[in-house]
C-alpha cells in the first residue's frame, strides 16, 4: 500500500530536504532503502475526528491531488 500522501508521509524530523525553487525541486535526501523500509512500516493513522462536522469532512473529503472535493 502506497501512503495516501506519497513520500511526504514518510518524512521524519531531522531528514535532510533539498528545496530548489529555480529547478522546481523538492526532494527528500534519504537513501532509497530507508524510504522502502519506512514505506513497508507505514500505516494509515486513525482520524482525529470521528463524529460531528469534522468527522464527516474527514470521511468524505478527497486528497488534494484528486480535487479535495467532498462529493
C-alpha atoms as a PDB file:
ATOM      1  CA  UNK A   1       0.000   0.000   0.000  1.00  0.00           C
ATOM      2  CA  UNK A   2       1.433   3.349  -1.014  1.00  0.00           C
ATOM      3  CA  UNK A   3       0.895   6.134   1.554  1.00  0.00           C
ATOM      4  CA  UNK A   4      -2.006   8.319   0.516  1.00  0.00           C
ATOM      5  CA  UNK A   5       0.197  11.375   0.968  1.00  0.00           C
ATOM      6  CA  UNK A   6       3.038   9.901  -1.080  1.00  0.00           C
ATOM      7  CA  UNK A   7       6.587  10.249   0.121  1.00  0.00           C
ATOM      8  CA  UNK A   8       5.662  13.224   2.303  1.00  0.00           C
ATOM      9  CA  UNK A   9       4.013  10.762   4.689  1.00  0.00           C
ATOM     10  CA  UNK A  10       7.431   9.150   5.226  1.00  0.00           C
ATOM     11  CA  UNK A  11       9.381  12.291   6.169  1.00  0.00           C
ATOM     12  CA  UNK A  12      10.766  12.282   9.699  1.00  0.00           C
ATOM     13  CA  UNK A  13      12.029  15.150  11.810  1.00  0.00           C
ATOM     14  CA  UNK A  14      15.675  15.839  11.021  1.00  0.00           C
ATOM     15  CA  UNK A  15      15.585  14.378   7.493  1.00  0.00           C
ATOM     16  CA  UNK A  16      17.605  16.430   5.002  1.00  0.00           C
ATOM     17  CA  UNK A  17      15.438  18.023   2.314  1.00  0.00           C
ATOM     18  CA  UNK A  18      16.569  19.904  -0.796  1.00  0.00           C
ATOM     19  CA  UNK A  19      14.455  22.855  -1.922  1.00  0.00           C
ATOM     20  CA  UNK A  20      15.459  24.458  -5.228  1.00  0.00           C
ATOM     21  CA  UNK A  21      12.900  26.977  -6.486  1.00  0.00           C
ATOM     22  CA  UNK A  22      14.762  27.630  -9.736  1.00  0.00           C
ATOM     23  CA  UNK A  23      14.616  23.952 -10.713  1.00  0.00           C
ATOM     24  CA  UNK A  24      11.172  23.479  -9.095  1.00  0.00           C
ATOM     25  CA  UNK A  25      12.616  20.712  -6.937  1.00  0.00           C
ATOM     26  CA  UNK A  26      11.512  19.467  -3.544  1.00  0.00           C
ATOM     27  CA  UNK A  27      13.480  16.346  -2.674  1.00  0.00           C
ATOM     28  CA  UNK A  28      13.830  14.125   0.382  1.00  0.00           C
ATOM     29  CA  UNK A  29      17.538  13.281   0.684  1.00  0.00           C
ATOM     30  CA  UNK A  30      17.224   9.847   2.297  1.00  0.00           C
ATOM     31  CA  UNK A  31      18.510   6.533   0.884  1.00  0.00           C
ATOM     32  CA  UNK A  32      16.061   4.567  -1.260  1.00  0.00           C
ATOM     33  CA  UNK A  33      16.448   1.564   1.060  1.00  0.00           C
ATOM     34  CA  UNK A  34      15.393   3.693   4.048  1.00  0.00           C
ATOM     35  CA  UNK A  35      12.382   5.035   2.105  1.00  0.00           C
ATOM     36  CA  UNK A  36      11.401   1.452   1.216  1.00  0.00           C
ATOM     37  CA  UNK A  37      11.718   0.402   4.889  1.00  0.00           C
ATOM     38  CA  UNK A  38       9.583   3.335   6.042  1.00  0.00           C
ATOM     39  CA  UNK A  39       7.002   2.634   3.338  1.00  0.00           C
ATOM     40  CA  UNK A  40       6.742  -1.014   4.455  1.00  0.00           C
ATOM     41  CA  UNK A  41       6.186   0.069   8.090  1.00  0.00           C
ATOM     42  CA  UNK A  42       3.735   2.888   7.312  1.00  0.00           C
ATOM     43  CA  UNK A  43       0.113   2.536   8.446  1.00  0.00           C
ATOM     44  CA  UNK A  44      -2.755   4.934   7.799  1.00  0.00           C
ATOM     45  CA  UNK A  45      -3.295   6.905  11.030  1.00  0.00           C
ATOM     46  CA  UNK A  46      -6.695   6.863  12.665  1.00  0.00           C
ATOM     47  CA  UNK A  47      -8.721  10.008  12.001  1.00  0.00           C
ATOM     48  CA  UNK A  48      -8.612  12.531  14.850  1.00  0.00           C
ATOM     49  CA  UNK A  49     -12.290  13.311  14.490  1.00  0.00           C
ATOM     50  CA  UNK A  50     -14.824  10.528  14.046  1.00  0.00           C
ATOM     51  CA  UNK A  51     -18.039  12.445  14.791  1.00  0.00           C
ATOM     52  CA  UNK A  52     -19.521  15.836  14.080  1.00  0.00           C
ATOM     53  CA  UNK A  53     -18.758  18.142  11.189  1.00  0.00           C
ATOM     54  CA  UNK A  54     -15.009  17.445  11.184  1.00  0.00           C
ATOM     55  CA  UNK A  55     -15.627  13.700  11.308  1.00  0.00           C
ATOM     56  CA  UNK A  56     -17.962  13.953   8.329  1.00  0.00           C
ATOM     57  CA  UNK A  57     -15.455  16.101   6.448  1.00  0.00           C
ATOM     58  CA  UNK A  58     -12.617  13.645   7.185  1.00  0.00           C
ATOM     59  CA  UNK A  59     -14.711  10.721   5.969  1.00  0.00           C
ATOM     60  CA  UNK A  60     -15.944  12.379   2.782  1.00  0.00           C
ATOM     61  CA  UNK A  61     -13.091  14.605   1.580  1.00  0.00           C
ATOM     62  CA  UNK A  62     -10.689  13.514  -1.139  1.00  0.00           C
ATOM     63  CA  UNK A  63      -6.952  14.222  -1.313  1.00  0.00           C
ATOM     64  CA  UNK A  64      -5.757  17.484  -2.860  1.00  0.00           C
ATOM     65  CA  UNK A  65      -4.393  15.691  -5.926  1.00  0.00           C
ATOM     66  CA  UNK A  66      -7.958  14.467  -6.579  1.00  0.00           C
ATOM     67  CA  UNK A  67      -9.509  17.924  -6.219  1.00  0.00           C
ATOM     68  CA  UNK A  68     -10.129  17.911  -2.430  1.00  0.00           C
ATOM     69  CA  UNK A  69     -13.872  17.673  -3.006  1.00  0.00           C
ATOM     70  CA  UNK A  70     -16.427  16.143  -0.680  1.00  0.00           C
ATOM     71  CA  UNK A  71     -18.897  14.861  -3.216  1.00  0.00           C
END
